[in-house]
Amino acid sequence: MDLGNCLFIHDPAHKADYRKEPDTKKFQYELDALEHLEAFIRDCDQRTDVAKAKLRETQEELTDEASQKAEHINQLSEQIGTKLAKAEQLGADGHVEESLKLMKEVEELNLEKAKSEADLRTAIPTSTYQQQKLRVCEVCSAYLGVHDNDRRLADHFGGKLHLGFIEIRQKLDELRQYVNENHIVRRRRFEGYNRSLFITVEERREKERIRERGRELEKNERRQKSRSHSRSRSRSHSRRHSRHRNGKHSHRSRKRHHRSSNRKSEDRH
């Protein structure tokens, strides 16, 4: 699979600026990288599914027991290829003892693989076993020969394509964990801000309710004073009216008494 040249700018100055940025400002960059790598791996996994579907059309389906044996052989092949490629690299770098140690492990894995292949051969028909020529790499979606020798396995598992996809998947896991942790932190900060904002709003509402109650009390007091003043004025008016009426009545009584006295005086004469 040839992806061509990278379309992004690889500027050491930009890389240095990124490293100087505080973690709080790196989140958007990491989120963009996460989305890009997820799309990349999603395409790879889709190719893997398509390749497996094509193989199922040409190869007989194995029983559950045979599938487990075949999967174990595939795992052994991957370990052999990975260790052999690493041993060769260590030898080229001058780490002879470590390289020899890995080569010994490769020999032991080859013995276990040969035994597992013999078990699989006896577990399924010969025609079915002969059909099992290819499989799909779960990491990079490339086709692998089921019966490939160590050299071909080392070329694949130590190749740039396979190792590159391993690095991408590892980086993707790291980014997912980083983004998830930062989402949690940001959500907690947001919730804390909302709680403080809610408390502030409630405090303002409570103060407004207190002021409203105060205004209501003042209105009630003014009403009571107005009513008391009205009643007082009404009583005062009633008293003045009563005195006025009483005064008129007394004046009439005096007039009647005076007229009566005059009549009596005239009668005597």
C-alpha atoms as a PDB file:
ATOM      1  CA  MET A   1       0.000   0.000   0.000  1.00  0.00           C
ATOM      2  CA  ASP A   2       1.581   3.255  -1.181  1.00  0.00           C
ATOM      3  CA  LEU A   3       0.248   6.350   0.549  1.00  0.00           C
ATOM      4  CA  GLY A   4       2.538   8.717  -1.313  1.00  0.00           C
ATOM      5  CA  ASN A   5       4.272  11.700   0.223  1.00  0.00           C
ATOM      6  CA  CYS A   6       2.813  13.354   3.295  1.00  0.00           C
ATOM      7  CA  LEU A   7       0.801  16.455   2.448  1.00  0.00           C
ATOM      8  CA  PHE A   8       1.540  18.188   5.752  1.00  0.00           C
ATOM      9  CA  ILE A   9       4.402  20.562   6.505  1.00  0.00           C
ATOM     10  CA  HIS A  10       7.102  19.060   8.726  1.00  0.00           C
ATOM     11  CA  ASP A  11       8.743  22.214  10.043  1.00  0.00           C
ATOM     12  CA  PRO A  12      11.127  21.809  13.012  1.00  0.00           C
ATOM     13  CA  ALA A  13      10.243  25.341  14.145  1.00  0.00           C
ATOM     14  CA  HIS A  14       6.551  24.440  14.337  1.00  0.00           C
ATOM     15  CA  LYS A  15       7.429  21.292  16.255  1.00  0.00           C
ATOM     16  CA  ALA A  16       9.472  23.324  18.750  1.00  0.00           C
ATOM     17  CA  ASP A  17       6.615  25.818  19.162  1.00  0.00           C
ATOM     18  CA  TYR A  18       4.192  22.973  19.804  1.00  0.00           C
ATOM     19  CA  ARG A  19       6.405  21.526  22.524  1.00  0.00           C
ATOM     20  CA  LYS A  20       6.577  24.925  24.234  1.00  0.00           C
ATOM     21  CA  GLU A  21       2.793  25.247  24.319  1.00  0.00           C
ATOM     22  CA  PRO A  22       1.121  24.464  27.667  1.00  0.00           C
ATOM     23  CA  ASP A  23      -0.937  21.287  27.827  1.00  0.00           C
ATOM     24  CA  THR A  24      -4.169  23.271  27.948  1.00  0.00           C
ATOM     25  CA  LYS A  25      -3.495  24.626  24.443  1.00  0.00           C
ATOM     26  CA  LYS A  26      -2.411  21.274  22.959  1.00  0.00           C
ATOM     27  CA  PHE A  27      -5.822  19.681  23.296  1.00  0.00           C
ATOM     28  CA  GLN A  28      -7.143  20.840  19.911  1.00  0.00           C
ATOM     29  CA  TYR A  29      -4.007  19.588  18.127  1.00  0.00           C
ATOM     30  CA  GLU A  30      -4.343  16.199  19.796  1.00  0.00           C
ATOM     31  CA  LEU A  31      -8.029  16.063  18.916  1.00  0.00           C
ATOM     32  CA  ASP A  32      -7.258  16.749  15.237  1.00  0.00           C
ATOM     33  CA  ALA A  33      -4.587  14.032  15.261  1.00  0.00           C
ATOM     34  CA  LEU A  34      -7.022  11.602  16.869  1.00  0.00           C
ATOM     35  CA  GLU A  35      -9.653  12.193  14.179  1.00  0.00           C
ATOM     36  CA  HIS A  36      -7.063  11.804  11.393  1.00  0.00           C
ATOM     37  CA  LEU A  37      -5.639   8.544  12.768  1.00  0.00           C
ATOM     38  CA  GLU A  38      -9.109   7.133  13.475  1.00  0.00           C
ATOM     39  CA  ALA A  39     -10.075   7.675   9.839  1.00  0.00           C
ATOM     40  CA  PHE A  40      -6.802   6.059   8.735  1.00  0.00           C
ATOM     41  CA  ILE A  41      -7.279   2.968  10.909  1.00  0.00           C
ATOM     42  CA  ARG A  42     -10.965   2.747  10.011  1.00  0.00           C
ATOM     43  CA  ASP A  43     -10.026   2.484   6.317  1.00  0.00           C
ATOM     44  CA  CYS A  44      -7.451  -0.197   7.139  1.00  0.00           C
ATOM     45  CA  ASP A  45      -9.956  -2.265   9.131  1.00  0.00           C
ATOM     46  CA  GLN A  46     -12.477  -1.993   6.309  1.00  0.00           C
ATOM     47  CA  ARG A  47      -9.880  -3.343   3.862  1.00  0.00           C
ATOM     48  CA  THR A  48      -9.220  -6.191   6.289  1.00  0.00           C
ATOM     49  CA  ASP A  49     -12.921  -7.103   6.397  1.00  0.00           C
ATOM     50  CA  VAL A  50     -13.178  -7.015   2.593  1.00  0.00           C
ATOM     51  CA  ALA A  51     -10.087  -9.215   2.200  1.00  0.00           C
ATOM     52  CA  LYS A  52     -11.434 -11.741   4.705  1.00  0.00           C
ATOM     53  CA  ALA A  53     -14.758 -11.859   2.871  1.00  0.00           C
ATOM     54  CA  LYS A  54     -12.952 -12.655  -0.393  1.00  0.00           C
ATOM     55  CA  LEU A  55     -11.005 -15.461   1.260  1.00  0.00           C
ATOM     56  CA  ARG A  56     -14.192 -16.983   2.664  1.00  0.00           C
ATOM     57  CA  GLU A  57     -15.513 -17.260  -0.875  1.00  0.00           C
ATOM     58  CA  THR A  58     -12.552 -19.418  -1.966  1.00  0.00           C
ATOM     59  CA  GLN A  59     -11.711 -21.304   1.231  1.00  0.00           C
ATOM     60  CA  GLU A  60     -13.849 -23.799   3.088  1.00  0.00           C
ATOM     61  CA  GLU A  61     -14.990 -22.696   6.521  1.00  0.00           C
ATOM     62  CA  LEU A  62     -13.186 -24.408   9.380  1.00  0.00           C
ATOM     63  CA  THR A  63     -14.797 -25.894  12.445  1.00  0.00           C
ATOM     64  CA  ASP A  64     -14.463 -24.049  15.752  1.00  0.00           C
ATOM     65  CA  GLU A  65     -11.728 -26.423  16.914  1.00  0.00           C
ATOM     66  CA  ALA A  66      -9.808 -26.120  13.657  1.00  0.00           C
ATOM     67  CA  SER A  67     -10.221 -22.331  13.689  1.00  0.00           C
ATOM     68  CA  GLN A  68      -8.671 -22.156  17.159  1.00  0.00           C
ATOM     69  CA  LYS A  69      -5.718 -24.286  16.006  1.00  0.00           C
ATOM     70  CA  ALA A  70      -5.247 -22.127  12.903  1.00  0.00           C
ATOM     71  CA  GLU A  71      -5.400 -18.941  14.983  1.00  0.00           C
ATOM     72  CA  HIS A  72      -2.752 -20.326  17.336  1.00  0.00           C
ATOM     73  CA  ILE A  73      -0.499 -21.067  14.351  1.00  0.00           C
ATOM     74  CA  ASN A  74      -0.997 -17.520  13.072  1.00  0.00           C
ATOM     75  CA  GLN A  75      -0.011 -16.109  16.454  1.00  0.00           C
ATOM     76  CA  LEU A  76       3.128 -18.249  16.482  1.00  0.00           C
ATOM     77  CA  SER A  77       3.996 -17.093  12.963  1.00  0.00           C
ATOM     78  CA  GLU A  78       3.653 -13.471  14.030  1.00  0.00           C
ATOM     79  CA  GLN A  79       5.898 -14.003  17.048  1.00  0.00           C
ATOM     80  CA  ILE A  80       8.486 -15.768  14.884  1.00  0.00           C
ATOM     81  CA  GLY A  81       8.530 -13.029  12.268  1.00  0.00           C
ATOM     82  CA  THR A  82       8.665 -10.220  14.839  1.00  0.00           C
ATOM     83  CA  LYS A  83      11.440 -11.792  16.925  1.00  0.00           C
ATOM     84  CA  LEU A  84      13.477 -12.727  13.856  1.00  0.00           C
ATOM     85  CA  ALA A  85      13.299  -9.197  12.452  1.00  0.00           C
ATOM     86  CA  LYS A  86      14.301  -7.765  15.830  1.00  0.00           C
ATOM     87  CA  ALA A  87      17.155 -10.260  16.187  1.00  0.00           C
ATOM     88  CA  GLU A  88      18.526  -9.257  12.790  1.00  0.00           C
ATOM     89  CA  GLN A  89      18.338  -5.574  13.717  1.00  0.00           C
ATOM     90  CA  LEU A  90      20.105  -6.184  17.028  1.00  0.00           C
ATOM     91  CA  GLY A  91      22.833  -8.125  15.239  1.00  0.00           C
ATOM     92  CA  ALA A  92      23.290  -5.299  12.745  1.00  0.00           C
ATOM     93  CA  ASP A  93      23.591  -2.831  15.644  1.00  0.00           C
ATOM     94  CA  GLY A  94      26.275  -4.939  17.323  1.00  0.00           C
ATOM     95  CA  HIS A  95      24.146  -6.420  20.129  1.00  0.00           C
ATOM     96  CA  VAL A  96      25.202  -9.987  19.403  1.00  0.00           C
ATOM     97  CA  GLU A  97      24.207 -11.638  22.693  1.00  0.00           C
ATOM     98  CA  GLU A  98      20.703 -10.225  22.630  1.00  0.00           C
ATOM     99  CA  SER A  99      20.366 -11.220  18.987  1.00  0.00           C
ATOM    100  CA  LEU A 100      21.419 -14.808  19.725  1.00  0.00           C
ATOM    101  CA  LYS A 101      18.954 -14.989  22.614  1.00  0.00           C
ATOM    102  CA  LEU A 102      16.094 -14.001  20.319  1.00  0.00           C
ATOM    103  CA  MET A 103      17.221 -16.484  17.665  1.00  0.00           C
ATOM    104  CA  LYS A 104      17.009 -19.255  20.258  1.00  0.00           C
ATOM    105  CA  GLU A 105      13.455 -18.177  21.078  1.00  0.00           C
ATOM    106  CA  VAL A 106      12.647 -18.272  17.356  1.00  0.00           C
ATOM    107  CA  GLU A 107      13.842 -21.876  17.141  1.00  0.00           C
ATOM    108  CA  GLU A 108      11.609 -22.872  20.058  1.00  0.00           C
ATOM    109  CA  LEU A 109       8.627 -21.151  18.464  1.00  0.00           C
ATOM    110  CA  ASN A 110       9.302 -22.950  15.184  1.00  0.00           C
ATOM    111  CA  LEU A 111       9.164 -26.300  16.965  1.00  0.00           C
ATOM    112  CA  GLU A 112       5.851 -25.391  18.578  1.00  0.00           C
ATOM    113  CA  LYS A 113       4.505 -24.168  15.245  1.00  0.00           C
ATOM    114  CA  ALA A 114       5.456 -27.386  13.470  1.00  0.00           C
ATOM    115  CA  LYS A 115       3.629 -29.416  16.117  1.00  0.00           C
ATOM    116  CA  SER A 116       0.536 -27.202  15.866  1.00  0.00           C
ATOM    117  CA  GLU A 117       0.520 -27.497  12.065  1.00  0.00           C
ATOM    118  CA  ALA A 118       0.625 -31.275  12.360  1.00  0.00           C
ATOM    119  CA  ASP A 119      -2.334 -31.177  14.745  1.00  0.00           C
ATOM    120  CA  LEU A 120      -4.289 -28.986  12.335  1.00  0.00           C
ATOM    121  CA  ARG A 121      -3.478 -31.233   9.392  1.00  0.00           C
ATOM    122  CA  THR A 122      -4.987 -34.226  11.174  1.00  0.00           C
ATOM    123  CA  ALA A 123      -8.037 -32.245  12.351  1.00  0.00           C
ATOM    124  CA  ILE A 124      -9.313 -31.254   8.882  1.00  0.00           C
ATOM    125  CA  PRO A 125      -9.498 -32.923   5.449  1.00  0.00           C
ATOM    126  CA  THR A 126      -6.410 -32.671   3.255  1.00  0.00           C
ATOM    127  CA  SER A 127      -8.273 -30.678   0.592  1.00  0.00           C
ATOM    128  CA  THR A 128      -9.395 -28.153   3.153  1.00  0.00           C
ATOM    129  CA  TYR A 129      -5.891 -27.841   4.580  1.00  0.00           C
ATOM    130  CA  GLN A 130      -4.454 -27.226   1.115  1.00  0.00           C
ATOM    131  CA  GLN A 131      -6.978 -24.447   0.532  1.00  0.00           C
ATOM    132  CA  GLN A 132      -5.738 -22.583   3.594  1.00  0.00           C
ATOM    133  CA  LYS A 133      -3.024 -20.750   1.711  1.00  0.00           C
ATOM    134  CA  LEU A 134      -3.663 -17.137   2.640  1.00  0.00           C
ATOM    135  CA  ARG A 135      -4.757 -15.103   5.600  1.00  0.00           C
ATOM    136  CA  VAL A 136      -5.138 -11.405   6.311  1.00  0.00           C
ATOM    137  CA  CYS A 137      -2.923  -9.482   8.711  1.00  0.00           C
ATOM    138  CA  GLU A 138      -5.091  -7.894  11.401  1.00  0.00           C
ATOM    139  CA  VAL A 139      -2.650  -5.010  11.835  1.00  0.00           C
ATOM    140  CA  CYS A 140      -2.006  -3.744   8.303  1.00  0.00           C
ATOM    141  CA  SER A 141      -4.603  -5.661   6.188  1.00  0.00           C
ATOM    142  CA  ALA A 142      -1.931  -7.264   3.981  1.00  0.00           C
ATOM    143  CA  TYR A 143      -2.209 -10.858   2.727  1.00  0.00           C
ATOM    144  CA  LEU A 144       0.061 -13.427   4.349  1.00  0.00           C
ATOM    145  CA  GLY A 145       0.910 -16.944   3.264  1.00  0.00           C
ATOM    146  CA  VAL A 146      -0.189 -19.487   5.843  1.00  0.00           C
ATOM    147  CA  HIS A 147       2.855 -21.644   5.074  1.00  0.00           C
ATOM    148  CA  ASP A 148       5.388 -18.816   4.675  1.00  0.00           C
ATOM    149  CA  ASN A 149       8.901 -19.545   5.872  1.00  0.00           C
ATOM    150  CA  ASP A 150      10.718 -17.543   8.517  1.00  0.00           C
ATOM    151  CA  ARG A 151      12.351 -15.235   5.999  1.00  0.00           C
ATOM    152  CA  ARG A 152       9.065 -14.116   4.465  1.00  0.00           C
ATOM    153  CA  LEU A 153       7.489 -13.742   7.910  1.00  0.00           C
ATOM    154  CA  ALA A 154      10.405 -11.591   9.071  1.00  0.00           C
ATOM    155  CA  ASP A 155      10.149  -9.438   5.953  1.00  0.00           C
ATOM    156  CA  HIS A 156       6.483  -8.785   6.658  1.00  0.00           C
ATOM    157  CA  PHE A 157       6.475  -8.316  10.443  1.00  0.00           C
ATOM    158  CA  GLY A 158       9.717  -6.336  10.326  1.00  0.00           C
ATOM    159  CA  GLY A 159       8.655  -4.281   7.324  1.00  0.00           C
ATOM    160  CA  LYS A 160       7.896  -0.564   7.370  1.00  0.00           C
ATOM    161  CA  LEU A 161       4.213  -1.022   6.534  1.00  0.00           C
ATOM    162  CA  HIS A 162       3.451  -3.426   9.377  1.00  0.00           C
ATOM    163  CA  LEU A 163       5.612  -1.585  11.930  1.00  0.00           C
ATOM    164  CA  GLY A 164       4.101   1.711  10.840  1.00  0.00           C
ATOM    165  CA  PHE A 165       0.581   0.455  11.487  1.00  0.00           C
ATOM    166  CA  ILE A 166       1.651  -0.878  14.892  1.00  0.00           C
ATOM    167  CA  GLU A 167       2.970   2.572  15.789  1.00  0.00           C
ATOM    168  CA  ILE A 168      -0.196   4.252  14.502  1.00  0.00           C
ATOM    169  CA  ARG A 169      -2.457   1.962  16.541  1.00  0.00           C
ATOM    170  CA  GLN A 170      -0.373   2.509  19.676  1.00  0.00           C
ATOM    171  CA  LYS A 171      -0.447   6.282  19.177  1.00  0.00           C
ATOM    172  CA  LEU A 172      -4.190   6.134  18.578  1.00  0.00           C
ATOM    173  CA  ASP A 173      -4.714   4.352  21.904  1.00  0.00           C
ATOM    174  CA  GLU A 174      -2.619   7.018  23.665  1.00  0.00           C
ATOM    175  CA  LEU A 175      -4.586   9.835  22.026  1.00  0.00           C
ATOM    176  CA  ARG A 176      -7.910   8.258  22.929  1.00  0.00           C
ATOM    177  CA  GLN A 177      -6.860   8.021  26.563  1.00  0.00           C
ATOM    178  CA  TYR A 178      -5.499  11.592  26.546  1.00  0.00           C
ATOM    179  CA  VAL A 179      -8.599  13.057  24.901  1.00  0.00           C
ATOM    180  CA  ASN A 180     -10.920  11.079  27.164  1.00  0.00           C
ATOM    181  CA  GLU A 181      -9.124  12.295  30.297  1.00  0.00           C
ATOM    182  CA  ASN A 182      -9.179  15.903  29.080  1.00  0.00           C
ATOM    183  CA  HIS A 183     -12.854  15.640  28.170  1.00  0.00           C
ATOM    184  CA  ILE A 184     -13.539  14.513  31.743  1.00  0.00           C
ATOM    185  CA  VAL A 185     -11.473  17.379  33.179  1.00  0.00           C
ATOM    186  CA  ARG A 186     -13.138  19.925  30.899  1.00  0.00           C
ATOM    187  CA  ARG A 187     -16.591  18.549  31.698  1.00  0.00           C
ATOM    188  CA  ARG A 188     -15.881  18.779  35.426  1.00  0.00           C
ATOM    189  CA  ARG A 189     -14.658  22.347  35.028  1.00  0.00           C
ATOM    190  CA  PHE A 190     -17.728  23.202  32.968  1.00  0.00           C
ATOM    191  CA  GLU A 191     -20.026  21.579  35.525  1.00  0.00           C
ATOM    192  CA  GLY A 192     -18.234  23.420  38.314  1.00  0.00           C
ATOM    193  CA  TYR A 193     -18.616  26.695  36.429  1.00  0.00           C
ATOM    194  CA  ASN A 194     -22.300  25.962  35.895  1.00  0.00           C
ATOM    195  CA  ARG A 195     -22.744  25.185  39.585  1.00  0.00           C
ATOM    196  CA  SER A 196     -21.068  28.451  40.584  1.00  0.00           C
ATOM    197  CA  LEU A 197     -23.137  30.288  37.995  1.00  0.00           C
ATOM    198  CA  PHE A 198     -26.277  28.588  39.286  1.00  0.00           C
ATOM    199  CA  ILE A 199     -25.403  29.563  42.857  1.00  0.00           C
ATOM    200  CA  THR A 200     -24.797  33.158  41.753  1.00  0.00           C
ATOM    201  CA  VAL A 201     -28.136  33.251  39.957  1.00  0.00           C
ATOM    202  CA  GLU A 202     -29.889  31.770  42.986  1.00  0.00           C
ATOM    203  CA  GLU A 203     -28.255  34.333  45.241  1.00  0.00           C
ATOM    204  CA  ARG A 204     -29.438  37.131  42.972  1.00  0.00           C
ATOM    205  CA  ARG A 205     -32.919  35.651  42.909  1.00  0.00           C
ATOM    206  CA  GLU A 206     -32.968  35.349  46.703  1.00  0.00           C
ATOM    207  CA  LYS A 207     -31.850  38.954  47.082  1.00  0.00           C
ATOM    208  CA  GLU A 208     -34.542  40.022  44.632  1.00  0.00           C
ATOM    209  CA  ARG A 209     -37.137  38.042  46.600  1.00  0.00           C
ATOM    210  CA  ILE A 210     -36.001  39.755  49.819  1.00  0.00           C
ATOM    211  CA  ARG A 211     -36.237  43.172  48.175  1.00  0.00           C
ATOM    212  CA  GLU A 212     -39.669  42.278  46.789  1.00  0.00           C
ATOM    213  CA  ARG A 213     -40.856  41.231  50.252  1.00  0.00           C
ATOM    214  CA  GLY A 214     -39.498  44.518  51.624  1.00  0.00           C
ATOM    215  CA  ARG A 215     -41.368  46.478  48.990  1.00  0.00           C
ATOM    216  CA  GLU A 216     -44.564  44.557  49.781  1.00  0.00           C
ATOM    217  CA  LEU A 217     -44.140  45.305  53.486  1.00  0.00           C
ATOM    218  CA  GLU A 218     -43.643  48.995  52.727  1.00  0.00           C
ATOM    219  CA  LYS A 219     -46.772  49.006  50.559  1.00  0.00           C
ATOM    220  CA  ASN A 220     -48.760  47.308  53.318  1.00  0.00           C
ATOM    221  CA  GLU A 221     -47.493  49.792  55.892  1.00  0.00           C
ATOM    222  CA  ARG A 222     -48.440  52.706  53.630  1.00  0.00           C
ATOM    223  CA  ARG A 223     -51.890  51.191  53.085  1.00  0.00           C
ATOM    224  CA  GLN A 224     -52.378  50.737  56.832  1.00  0.00           C
ATOM    225  CA  LYS A 225     -51.258  54.314  57.519  1.00  0.00           C
ATOM    226  CA  SER A 226     -53.541  55.596  54.783  1.00  0.00           C
ATOM    227  CA  ARG A 227     -56.467  53.637  56.177  1.00  0.00           C
ATOM    228  CA  SER A 228     -55.717  54.812  59.731  1.00  0.00           C
ATOM    229  CA  HIS A 229     -55.495  58.400  58.543  1.00  0.00           C
ATOM    230  CA  SER A 230     -58.766  58.022  56.616  1.00  0.00           C
ATOM    231  CA  ARG A 231     -60.499  56.546  59.650  1.00  0.00           C
ATOM    232  CA  SER A 232     -59.089  59.309  61.844  1.00  0.00           C
ATOM    233  CA  ARG A 233     -60.283  61.985  59.443  1.00  0.00           C
ATOM    234  CA  SER A 234     -63.685  60.297  59.249  1.00  0.00           C
ATOM    235  CA  ARG A 235     -64.008  60.195  63.040  1.00  0.00           C
ATOM    236  CA  SER A 236     -62.898  63.830  63.332  1.00  0.00           C
ATOM    237  CA  HIS A 237     -65.398  64.870  60.696  1.00  0.00           C
ATOM    238  CA  SER A 238     -68.116  62.905  62.481  1.00  0.00           C
ATOM    239  CA  ARG A 239     -67.287  64.615  65.779  1.00  0.00           C
ATOM    240  CA  ARG A 240     -67.323  68.063  64.190  1.00  0.00           C
ATOM    241  CA  HIS A 241     -70.583  67.280  62.444  1.00  0.00           C
ATOM    242  CA  SER A 242     -72.040  65.980  65.700  1.00  0.00           C
ATOM    243  CA  ARG A 243     -70.943  69.091  67.593  1.00  0.00           C
ATOM    244  CA  HIS A 244     -72.366  71.275  64.882  1.00  0.00           C
ATOM    245  CA  ARG A 245     -75.666  69.451  65.019  1.00  0.00           C
ATOM    246  CA  ASN A 246     -75.659  69.618  68.808  1.00  0.00           C
ATOM    247  CA  GLY A 247     -74.930  73.345  68.642  1.00  0.00           C
ATOM    248  CA  LYS A 248     -77.825  73.955  66.289  1.00  0.00           C
ATOM    249  CA  HIS A 249     -80.104  71.930  68.519  1.00  0.00           C
ATOM    250  CA  SER A 250     -79.058  73.936  71.611  1.00  0.00           C
ATOM    251  CA  HIS A 251     -79.573  77.211  69.760  1.00  0.00           C
ATOM    252  CA  ARG A 252     -83.085  76.164  68.724  1.00  0.00           C
ATOM    253  CA  SER A 253     -83.816  75.024  72.273  1.00  0.00           C
ATOM    254  CA  ARG A 254     -82.706  78.389  73.641  1.00  0.00           C
ATOM    255  CA  LYS A 255     -84.829  80.155  71.044  1.00  0.00           C
ATOM    256  CA  ARG A 256     -87.855  78.066  71.935  1.00  0.00           C
ATOM    257  CA  HIS A 257     -87.217  78.665  75.621  1.00  0.00           C
ATOM    258  CA  HIS A 258     -86.906  82.421  75.057  1.00  0.00           C
ATOM    259  CA  ARG A 259     -90.146  82.553  73.039  1.00  0.00           C
ATOM    260  CA  SER A 260     -91.906  80.507  75.685  1.00  0.00           C
ATOM    261  CA  SER A 261     -90.677  82.874  78.400  1.00  0.00           C
ATOM    262  CA  ASN A 262     -91.874  85.895  76.450  1.00  0.00           C
ATOM    263  CA  ARG A 263     -95.340  84.387  75.997  1.00  0.00           C
ATOM    264  CA  LYS A 264     -95.610  83.649  79.698  1.00  0.00           C
ATOM    265  CA  SER A 265     -94.601  87.226  80.547  1.00  0.00           C
ATOM    266  CA  GLU A 266     -97.166  88.645  78.189  1.00  0.00           C
ATOM    267  CA  ASP A 267     -99.877  86.438  79.675  1.00  0.00           C
ATOM    268  CA  ARG A 268     -99.148  87.749  83.155  1.00  0.00           C
ATOM    269  CA  HIS A 269     -99.571  91.288  82.042  1.00  0.00           C
END
